[in-house]
């Protein structure tokens, strides 16, 4: 296994969570983002779009969590949320929610080693021979955090089940 500047922790298409039925959107939105603070990630809501359709509203959200470990390593968790067919029945929303959770370790995120062919060669040597064991430790740590967040999302979506 050779390491490039972006080392995937999640599967390439991400962890996918798909739920259809009653959804407590307010509960989900209130309790999911604080997870990033708990793990000391810088949280950004990259997008939030709501479209009205006769068959129900569509909500698109994007979240980005980044945590700088040091000057060379950064953890990144991207969350893409699509909620379709949202209708409010009483105090409960019904619809279909799809969440895509992608995580990766960014090496040389400031791109200090990407300036010329010689530094790119040093980057390759450093990552694949000198720093390899430490990179694997970072991958394992981010995988545990990603799975923890994945479990939180699943538990929040089971709020009405």
N, C-alpha and C. Protein backbone atom coordinates (compact mmCIF):
# COMPACT_ATOMS: atom_id res chain seq x y z
N UNK A 1 0.85 -1.18 0.00
CA UNK A 1 0.00 0.00 0.00
C UNK A 1 0.89 1.24 0.00
N UNK A 2 0.72 2.08 -1.00
CA UNK A 2 1.46 3.34 -1.03
C UNK A 2 0.51 4.47 -0.67
N UNK A 3 1.06 5.49 -0.05
CA UNK A 3 0.24 6.59 0.44
C UNK A 3 0.43 7.83 -0.42
N UNK A 4 -0.68 8.43 -0.79
CA UNK A 4 -0.65 9.71 -1.49
C UNK A 4 -1.06 10.79 -0.49
N UNK A 5 -1.38 11.97 -0.96
CA UNK A 5 -1.70 13.06 -0.04
C UNK A 5 -3.07 12.89 0.62
N UNK A 6 -3.96 12.10 0.00
CA UNK A 6 -5.29 11.86 0.55
C UNK A 6 -5.46 10.35 0.71
N UNK A 7 -5.54 9.88 1.95
CA UNK A 7 -5.66 8.45 2.21
C UNK A 7 -7.06 8.18 2.74
N UNK A 8 -7.84 7.46 1.96
CA UNK A 8 -9.24 7.19 2.32
C UNK A 8 -9.33 6.24 3.51
N UNK A 9 -10.24 6.55 4.41
CA UNK A 9 -10.55 5.68 5.55
C UNK A 9 -11.86 4.96 5.26
N UNK A 10 -12.83 5.71 4.78
CA UNK A 10 -14.13 5.12 4.43
C UNK A 10 -14.00 4.45 3.07
N UNK A 11 -14.98 3.64 2.70
CA UNK A 11 -14.99 3.13 1.32
C UNK A 11 -15.02 4.32 0.36
N UNK A 12 -14.56 4.15 -0.88
CA UNK A 12 -14.51 5.29 -1.82
C UNK A 12 -15.83 6.04 -1.97
N UNK A 13 -16.95 5.30 -1.96
CA UNK A 13 -18.26 5.96 -2.06
C UNK A 13 -18.79 6.37 -0.70
N UNK A 14 -18.07 6.08 0.36
CA UNK A 14 -18.47 6.46 1.70
C UNK A 14 -19.35 5.43 2.37
N UNK A 15 -19.60 5.67 3.66
CA UNK A 15 -20.59 4.87 4.39
C UNK A 15 -21.95 5.47 4.05
N UNK A 16 -22.88 4.64 3.68
CA UNK A 16 -24.19 5.13 3.26
C UNK A 16 -25.25 4.67 4.27
N UNK A 17 -26.01 5.64 4.73
CA UNK A 17 -27.11 5.37 5.66
C UNK A 17 -28.39 5.78 4.93
N UNK A 18 -29.36 4.88 4.89
CA UNK A 18 -30.60 5.13 4.16
C UNK A 18 -31.77 4.75 5.05
N UNK A 19 -32.62 5.71 5.32
CA UNK A 19 -33.79 5.47 6.18
C UNK A 19 -35.01 6.08 5.52
N UNK A 20 -36.11 5.34 5.55
CA UNK A 20 -37.36 5.83 4.99
C UNK A 20 -38.43 5.70 6.06
N UNK A 21 -39.20 6.76 6.28
CA UNK A 21 -40.25 6.73 7.28
C UNK A 21 -40.23 8.00 8.11
N UNK A 22 -40.67 7.90 9.37
CA UNK A 22 -40.68 9.08 10.23
C UNK A 22 -39.25 9.51 10.59
N UNK A 23 -39.01 10.82 10.49
CA UNK A 23 -37.68 11.36 10.77
C UNK A 23 -37.86 12.60 11.64
N UNK A 24 -37.15 12.65 12.74
CA UNK A 24 -37.16 13.86 13.57
C UNK A 24 -35.98 14.72 13.12
N UNK A 25 -36.22 15.53 12.09
CA UNK A 25 -35.17 16.35 11.48
C UNK A 25 -34.59 17.33 12.50
N UNK A 26 -35.44 17.93 13.31
CA UNK A 26 -34.96 18.90 14.30
C UNK A 26 -34.03 18.23 15.31
N UNK A 27 -34.41 17.06 15.79
CA UNK A 27 -33.59 16.31 16.74
C UNK A 27 -32.24 15.93 16.10
N UNK A 28 -32.29 15.47 14.87
CA UNK A 28 -31.08 15.10 14.15
C UNK A 28 -30.16 16.30 13.99
N UNK A 29 -30.72 17.41 13.51
CA UNK A 29 -29.92 18.62 13.24
C UNK A 29 -29.36 19.23 14.52
N UNK A 30 -30.07 19.07 15.62
CA UNK A 30 -29.63 19.63 16.90
C UNK A 30 -28.52 18.79 17.53
N UNK A 31 -28.53 17.47 17.32
CA UNK A 31 -27.62 16.58 18.04
C UNK A 31 -26.44 16.02 17.24
N UNK A 32 -26.49 16.08 15.92
CA UNK A 32 -25.37 15.54 15.13
C UNK A 32 -24.16 16.49 15.08
N UNK A 33 -24.32 17.78 14.75
CA UNK A 33 -23.15 18.67 14.66
C UNK A 33 -22.31 18.80 15.94
N UNK A 34 -22.89 18.74 17.15
CA UNK A 34 -22.05 18.84 18.36
C UNK A 34 -21.00 17.73 18.48
N UNK A 35 -21.21 16.61 17.78
CA UNK A 35 -20.21 15.54 17.79
C UNK A 35 -18.85 16.09 17.33
N UNK A 36 -18.87 16.96 16.34
CA UNK A 36 -17.62 17.52 15.80
C UNK A 36 -16.87 18.33 16.87
N UNK A 37 -17.59 19.08 17.67
CA UNK A 37 -16.96 19.84 18.76
C UNK A 37 -16.35 18.89 19.79
N UNK A 38 -17.06 17.83 20.11
CA UNK A 38 -16.59 16.87 21.10
C UNK A 38 -15.25 16.26 20.68
N UNK A 39 -15.06 16.05 19.38
CA UNK A 39 -13.81 15.48 18.87
C UNK A 39 -12.84 16.55 18.35
N UNK A 40 -13.14 17.81 18.62
CA UNK A 40 -12.28 18.95 18.29
C UNK A 40 -12.07 19.15 16.78
N UNK A 41 -13.12 18.93 16.00
CA UNK A 41 -13.10 19.21 14.57
C UNK A 41 -13.59 20.63 14.33
N UNK A 42 -13.04 21.28 13.32
CA UNK A 42 -13.60 22.54 12.84
C UNK A 42 -14.78 22.17 11.95
N UNK A 43 -15.97 22.60 12.33
CA UNK A 43 -17.19 22.22 11.63
C UNK A 43 -17.65 23.35 10.72
N UNK A 44 -17.98 22.98 9.49
CA UNK A 44 -18.52 23.94 8.53
C UNK A 44 -19.74 23.33 7.86
N UNK A 45 -20.79 24.10 7.79
CA UNK A 45 -21.95 23.65 7.02
C UNK A 45 -21.75 24.21 5.62
N UNK A 46 -21.35 23.34 4.69
CA UNK A 46 -20.97 23.79 3.36
C UNK A 46 -22.16 24.13 2.47
N UNK A 47 -23.30 23.52 2.73
CA UNK A 47 -24.49 23.87 1.96
C UNK A 47 -25.75 23.46 2.70
N UNK A 48 -26.81 24.20 2.42
CA UNK A 48 -28.15 23.84 2.90
C UNK A 48 -29.14 24.43 1.92
N UNK A 49 -29.82 23.55 1.23
CA UNK A 49 -30.77 23.95 0.20
C UNK A 49 -32.09 23.23 0.48
N UNK A 50 -33.18 23.97 0.39
CA UNK A 50 -34.50 23.35 0.53
C UNK A 50 -35.33 23.73 -0.68
N UNK A 51 -35.89 22.72 -1.31
CA UNK A 51 -36.74 22.93 -2.49
C UNK A 51 -38.12 22.38 -2.19
N UNK A 52 -39.13 23.10 -2.64
CA UNK A 52 -40.51 22.68 -2.42
C UNK A 52 -41.05 21.98 -3.66
N UNK A 53 -41.61 20.81 -3.46
CA UNK A 53 -42.23 20.04 -4.53
C UNK A 53 -43.59 19.57 -4.05
N UNK A 54 -44.53 19.32 -4.97
CA UNK A 54 -45.86 18.84 -4.55
C UNK A 54 -45.80 17.51 -3.79
N UNK A 55 -44.88 16.62 -4.16
CA UNK A 55 -44.78 15.32 -3.50
C UNK A 55 -44.02 15.39 -2.19
N UNK A 56 -43.54 16.58 -1.81
CA UNK A 56 -42.80 16.77 -0.56
C UNK A 56 -41.52 17.56 -0.80
N UNK A 57 -41.06 18.18 0.24
CA UNK A 57 -39.85 19.00 0.11
C UNK A 57 -38.61 18.14 -0.05
N UNK A 58 -37.57 18.77 -0.57
CA UNK A 58 -36.27 18.14 -0.70
C UNK A 58 -35.26 19.02 0.03
N UNK A 59 -34.47 18.41 0.88
CA UNK A 59 -33.46 19.15 1.65
C UNK A 59 -32.10 18.55 1.34
N UNK A 60 -31.16 19.41 0.99
CA UNK A 60 -29.79 18.99 0.73
C UNK A 60 -28.89 19.73 1.71
N UNK A 61 -28.06 18.96 2.42
CA UNK A 61 -27.12 19.57 3.37
C UNK A 61 -25.74 18.97 3.15
N UNK A 62 -24.74 19.79 3.37
CA UNK A 62 -23.36 19.32 3.32
C UNK A 62 -22.63 19.81 4.55
N UNK A 63 -21.93 18.92 5.22
CA UNK A 63 -21.14 19.26 6.40
C UNK A 63 -19.70 18.86 6.16
N UNK A 64 -18.78 19.63 6.73
CA UNK A 64 -17.37 19.32 6.62
C UNK A 64 -16.72 19.48 7.98
N UNK A 65 -16.05 18.44 8.43
CA UNK A 65 -15.30 18.49 9.68
C UNK A 65 -13.83 18.26 9.39
N UNK A 66 -13.00 19.18 9.86
CA UNK A 66 -11.55 19.06 9.67
C UNK A 66 -10.85 19.25 11.00
N UNK A 67 -9.87 18.39 11.26
CA UNK A 67 -9.09 18.51 12.49
C UNK A 67 -7.61 18.39 12.13
N UNK A 68 -6.91 19.46 12.42
CA UNK A 68 -5.47 19.46 12.19
C UNK A 68 -4.78 18.75 13.35
N UNK A 69 -4.08 17.68 13.06
CA UNK A 69 -3.38 16.91 14.08
C UNK A 69 -2.03 17.56 14.35
N UNK A 70 -1.35 17.93 13.28
CA UNK A 70 -0.08 18.66 13.36
C UNK A 70 0.10 19.40 12.04
N UNK A 71 1.29 19.87 11.76
CA UNK A 71 1.52 20.63 10.52
C UNK A 71 1.50 19.76 9.27
N UNK A 72 1.42 18.47 9.44
CA UNK A 72 1.50 17.56 8.30
C UNK A 72 0.23 16.72 8.11
N UNK A 73 -0.47 16.40 9.20
CA UNK A 73 -1.61 15.47 9.15
C UNK A 73 -2.90 16.20 9.54
N UNK A 74 -3.94 15.93 8.75
CA UNK A 74 -5.27 16.48 9.04
C UNK A 74 -6.30 15.39 8.79
N UNK A 75 -7.29 15.30 9.68
CA UNK A 75 -8.41 14.38 9.51
C UNK A 75 -9.57 15.16 8.87
N UNK A 76 -10.25 14.53 7.92
CA UNK A 76 -11.39 15.16 7.25
C UNK A 76 -12.57 14.20 7.22
N UNK A 77 -13.73 14.70 7.61
CA UNK A 77 -14.98 13.95 7.52
C UNK A 77 -15.97 14.81 6.74
N UNK A 78 -16.46 14.25 5.64
CA UNK A 78 -17.45 14.95 4.81
C UNK A 78 -18.79 14.23 4.96
N UNK A 79 -19.85 14.99 5.16
CA UNK A 79 -21.18 14.42 5.31
C UNK A 79 -22.08 15.07 4.27
N UNK A 80 -22.71 14.24 3.45
CA UNK A 80 -23.66 14.72 2.45
C UNK A 80 -25.02 14.14 2.81
N UNK A 81 -25.99 15.02 2.96
CA UNK A 81 -27.32 14.59 3.42
C UNK A 81 -28.35 14.99 2.36
N UNK A 82 -29.18 14.03 1.97
CA UNK A 82 -30.27 14.28 1.04
C UNK A 82 -31.54 13.74 1.68
N UNK A 83 -32.52 14.62 1.85
CA UNK A 83 -33.81 14.20 2.40
C UNK A 83 -34.85 14.52 1.34
N UNK A 84 -35.58 13.50 0.91
CA UNK A 84 -36.56 13.71 -0.15
C UNK A 84 -37.95 13.30 0.32
N UNK A 85 -38.95 13.92 -0.32
CA UNK A 85 -40.34 13.61 0.00
C UNK A 85 -40.74 13.98 1.41
N UNK A 86 -40.17 15.07 1.92
CA UNK A 86 -40.44 15.46 3.32
C UNK A 86 -41.83 16.09 3.42
N UNK A 87 -42.65 15.48 4.28
CA UNK A 87 -43.98 16.02 4.58
C UNK A 87 -44.16 15.96 6.08
N UNK A 88 -44.79 17.00 6.61
CA UNK A 88 -45.04 17.05 8.05
C UNK A 88 -46.45 16.52 8.32
N UNK A 89 -46.50 15.50 9.15
CA UNK A 89 -47.78 14.92 9.57
C UNK A 89 -47.85 15.08 11.08
N UNK A 90 -48.69 16.02 11.53
CA UNK A 90 -48.71 16.36 12.96
C UNK A 90 -47.40 17.05 13.32
N UNK A 91 -46.71 16.53 14.31
CA UNK A 91 -45.41 17.09 14.70
C UNK A 91 -44.24 16.27 14.15
N UNK A 92 -44.54 15.29 13.32
CA UNK A 92 -43.51 14.37 12.83
C UNK A 92 -43.33 14.53 11.33
N UNK A 93 -42.09 14.57 10.91
CA UNK A 93 -41.77 14.60 9.49
C UNK A 93 -41.67 13.17 8.97
N UNK A 94 -42.12 12.98 7.74
CA UNK A 94 -41.97 11.70 7.05
C UNK A 94 -41.22 11.96 5.76
N UNK A 95 -40.36 11.03 5.40
CA UNK A 95 -39.61 11.18 4.17
C UNK A 95 -38.55 10.11 4.06
N UNK A 96 -37.64 10.35 3.18
CA UNK A 96 -36.55 9.41 2.93
C UNK A 96 -35.24 10.18 3.05
N UNK A 97 -34.35 9.68 3.89
CA UNK A 97 -33.07 10.36 4.12
C UNK A 97 -31.92 9.44 3.69
N UNK A 98 -31.00 10.03 2.95
CA UNK A 98 -29.79 9.32 2.53
C UNK A 98 -28.60 10.14 3.00
N UNK A 99 -27.71 9.50 3.73
CA UNK A 99 -26.53 10.18 4.25
C UNK A 99 -25.29 9.45 3.76
N UNK A 100 -24.37 10.22 3.23
CA UNK A 100 -23.12 9.68 2.73
C UNK A 100 -22.00 10.25 3.60
N UNK A 101 -21.23 9.38 4.21
CA UNK A 101 -20.19 9.76 5.16
C UNK A 101 -18.84 9.33 4.60
N UNK A 102 -18.00 10.31 4.26
CA UNK A 102 -16.68 10.04 3.67
C UNK A 102 -15.62 10.60 4.61
N UNK A 103 -14.59 9.79 4.88
CA UNK A 103 -13.51 10.28 5.74
C UNK A 103 -12.16 9.91 5.14
N UNK A 104 -11.19 10.80 5.37
CA UNK A 104 -9.85 10.55 4.88
C UNK A 104 -8.83 11.31 5.71
N UNK A 105 -7.61 10.80 5.69
CA UNK A 105 -6.48 11.48 6.32
C UNK A 105 -5.75 12.23 5.22
N UNK A 106 -5.55 13.52 5.43
CA UNK A 106 -4.82 14.34 4.48
C UNK A 106 -3.38 14.49 4.95
N UNK A 107 -2.45 14.06 4.12
CA UNK A 107 -1.03 14.19 4.43
C UNK A 107 -0.48 15.39 3.67
N UNK A 108 0.34 16.17 4.32
CA UNK A 108 0.89 17.39 3.72
C UNK A 108 -0.25 18.27 3.22
N UNK A 109 -1.25 18.50 4.08
CA UNK A 109 -2.43 19.27 3.68
C UNK A 109 -2.10 20.71 3.30
N UNK A 110 -0.97 21.24 3.76
CA UNK A 110 -0.54 22.59 3.38
C UNK A 110 0.26 22.57 2.07
N UNK A 111 0.47 21.39 1.52
CA UNK A 111 1.16 21.17 0.25
C UNK A 111 2.59 21.74 0.22
N UNK A 112 3.29 21.54 1.31
CA UNK A 112 4.69 21.98 1.38
C UNK A 112 5.61 21.10 0.54
N UNK A 113 5.21 19.84 0.33
CA UNK A 113 6.05 18.91 -0.42
C UNK A 113 5.58 18.72 -1.86
N UNK A 114 4.70 19.57 -2.33
CA UNK A 114 4.16 19.42 -3.68
C UNK A 114 4.68 20.49 -4.64
N UNK A 115 5.76 21.16 -4.27
CA UNK A 115 6.22 22.32 -5.04
C UNK A 115 7.07 21.96 -6.25
N UNK A 116 7.84 20.88 -6.19
CA UNK A 116 8.69 20.50 -7.32
C UNK A 116 8.92 18.99 -7.28
N UNK A 117 9.49 18.43 -8.33
CA UNK A 117 9.67 16.97 -8.38
C UNK A 117 10.52 16.40 -7.25
N UNK A 118 11.53 17.13 -6.81
CA UNK A 118 12.38 16.62 -5.74
C UNK A 118 11.62 16.52 -4.42
N UNK A 119 10.86 17.54 -4.06
CA UNK A 119 10.10 17.49 -2.80
C UNK A 119 8.97 16.46 -2.89
N UNK A 120 8.42 16.25 -4.10
CA UNK A 120 7.42 15.20 -4.28
C UNK A 120 8.04 13.82 -4.05
N UNK A 121 9.28 13.65 -4.47
CA UNK A 121 10.00 12.40 -4.23
C UNK A 121 10.23 12.21 -2.73
N UNK A 122 10.62 13.29 -2.04
CA UNK A 122 10.81 13.21 -0.59
C UNK A 122 9.49 12.87 0.11
N UNK A 123 8.42 13.45 -0.37
CA UNK A 123 7.07 13.17 0.16
C UNK A 123 6.78 11.67 0.04
N UNK A 124 7.05 11.09 -1.10
CA UNK A 124 6.82 9.67 -1.33
C UNK A 124 7.67 8.81 -0.38
N UNK A 125 8.94 9.12 -0.27
CA UNK A 125 9.86 8.36 0.60
C UNK A 125 9.40 8.47 2.06
N UNK A 126 9.10 9.69 2.48
CA UNK A 126 8.69 9.92 3.87
C UNK A 126 7.43 9.14 4.22
N UNK A 127 6.41 9.23 3.37
CA UNK A 127 5.13 8.58 3.66
C UNK A 127 5.19 7.07 3.59
N UNK A 128 5.94 6.54 2.65
CA UNK A 128 5.89 5.11 2.39
C UNK A 128 6.99 4.30 3.06
N UNK A 129 7.95 4.98 3.68
CA UNK A 129 9.00 4.23 4.36
C UNK A 129 9.23 4.74 5.79
N UNK A 130 9.38 6.02 5.97
CA UNK A 130 9.73 6.58 7.28
C UNK A 130 8.49 6.72 8.17
N UNK A 131 7.42 7.27 7.66
CA UNK A 131 6.23 7.66 8.43
C UNK A 131 5.09 6.65 8.29
N UNK A 132 5.31 5.56 7.58
CA UNK A 132 4.25 4.61 7.24
C UNK A 132 3.50 4.07 8.46
N UNK A 133 4.23 3.65 9.46
CA UNK A 133 3.61 3.07 10.66
C UNK A 133 2.69 4.09 11.35
N UNK A 134 3.15 5.33 11.43
CA UNK A 134 2.37 6.39 12.07
C UNK A 134 1.11 6.71 11.25
N UNK A 135 1.24 6.67 9.92
CA UNK A 135 0.07 6.90 9.06
C UNK A 135 -0.99 5.85 9.33
N UNK A 136 -0.58 4.60 9.46
CA UNK A 136 -1.53 3.52 9.74
C UNK A 136 -2.23 3.75 11.08
N UNK A 137 -1.50 4.25 12.07
CA UNK A 137 -2.12 4.58 13.36
C UNK A 137 -3.16 5.68 13.19
N UNK A 138 -2.86 6.70 12.38
CA UNK A 138 -3.83 7.77 12.11
C UNK A 138 -5.06 7.23 11.40
N UNK A 139 -4.85 6.34 10.45
CA UNK A 139 -5.98 5.75 9.72
C UNK A 139 -6.89 4.97 10.67
N UNK A 140 -6.30 4.21 11.57
CA UNK A 140 -7.09 3.44 12.54
C UNK A 140 -7.86 4.36 13.48
N UNK A 141 -7.23 5.43 13.92
CA UNK A 141 -7.89 6.36 14.83
C UNK A 141 -9.07 7.05 14.13
N UNK A 142 -8.85 7.53 12.90
CA UNK A 142 -9.94 8.19 12.18
C UNK A 142 -11.05 7.21 11.85
N UNK A 143 -10.71 5.96 11.57
CA UNK A 143 -11.74 4.96 11.30
C UNK A 143 -12.64 4.77 12.53
N UNK A 144 -12.05 4.71 13.73
CA UNK A 144 -12.85 4.58 14.96
C UNK A 144 -13.76 5.79 15.13
N UNK A 145 -13.23 6.99 14.88
CA UNK A 145 -14.05 8.19 15.02
C UNK A 145 -15.17 8.22 13.98
N UNK A 146 -14.87 7.82 12.77
CA UNK A 146 -15.88 7.79 11.70
C UNK A 146 -16.99 6.81 12.05
N UNK A 147 -16.63 5.64 12.53
CA UNK A 147 -17.64 4.65 12.90
C UNK A 147 -18.46 5.11 14.10
N UNK A 148 -17.83 5.86 15.01
CA UNK A 148 -18.56 6.43 16.15
C UNK A 148 -19.60 7.43 15.65
N UNK A 149 -19.21 8.29 14.72
CA UNK A 149 -20.15 9.26 14.15
C UNK A 149 -21.25 8.55 13.37
N UNK A 150 -20.89 7.51 12.64
CA UNK A 150 -21.86 6.71 11.90
C UNK A 150 -22.90 6.11 12.85
N UNK A 151 -22.44 5.58 13.98
CA UNK A 151 -23.35 5.02 14.99
C UNK A 151 -24.26 6.10 15.58
N UNK A 152 -23.70 7.29 15.82
CA UNK A 152 -24.51 8.39 16.34
C UNK A 152 -25.62 8.75 15.36
N UNK A 153 -25.28 8.87 14.09
CA UNK A 153 -26.28 9.21 13.08
C UNK A 153 -27.40 8.16 13.07
N UNK A 154 -27.03 6.89 13.08
CA UNK A 154 -28.03 5.82 13.08
C UNK A 154 -28.93 5.89 14.31
N UNK A 155 -28.34 6.16 15.46
CA UNK A 155 -29.16 6.24 16.68
C UNK A 155 -30.09 7.46 16.64
N UNK A 156 -29.63 8.57 16.08
CA UNK A 156 -30.48 9.76 15.98
C UNK A 156 -31.64 9.53 15.02
N UNK A 157 -31.40 8.78 13.97
CA UNK A 157 -32.47 8.51 13.00
C UNK A 157 -33.46 7.48 13.51
N UNK A 158 -33.10 6.71 14.53
CA UNK A 158 -34.02 5.72 15.11
C UNK A 158 -34.85 6.35 16.23
N UNK A 159 -34.77 7.67 16.37
CA UNK A 159 -35.45 8.39 17.46
C UNK A 159 -36.96 8.07 17.50
N UNK A 160 -37.59 7.94 16.34
CA UNK A 160 -39.03 7.67 16.29
C UNK A 160 -39.36 6.21 16.05
N UNK A 161 -38.38 5.36 16.00
CA UNK A 161 -38.65 3.96 15.66
C UNK A 161 -38.89 3.14 16.90
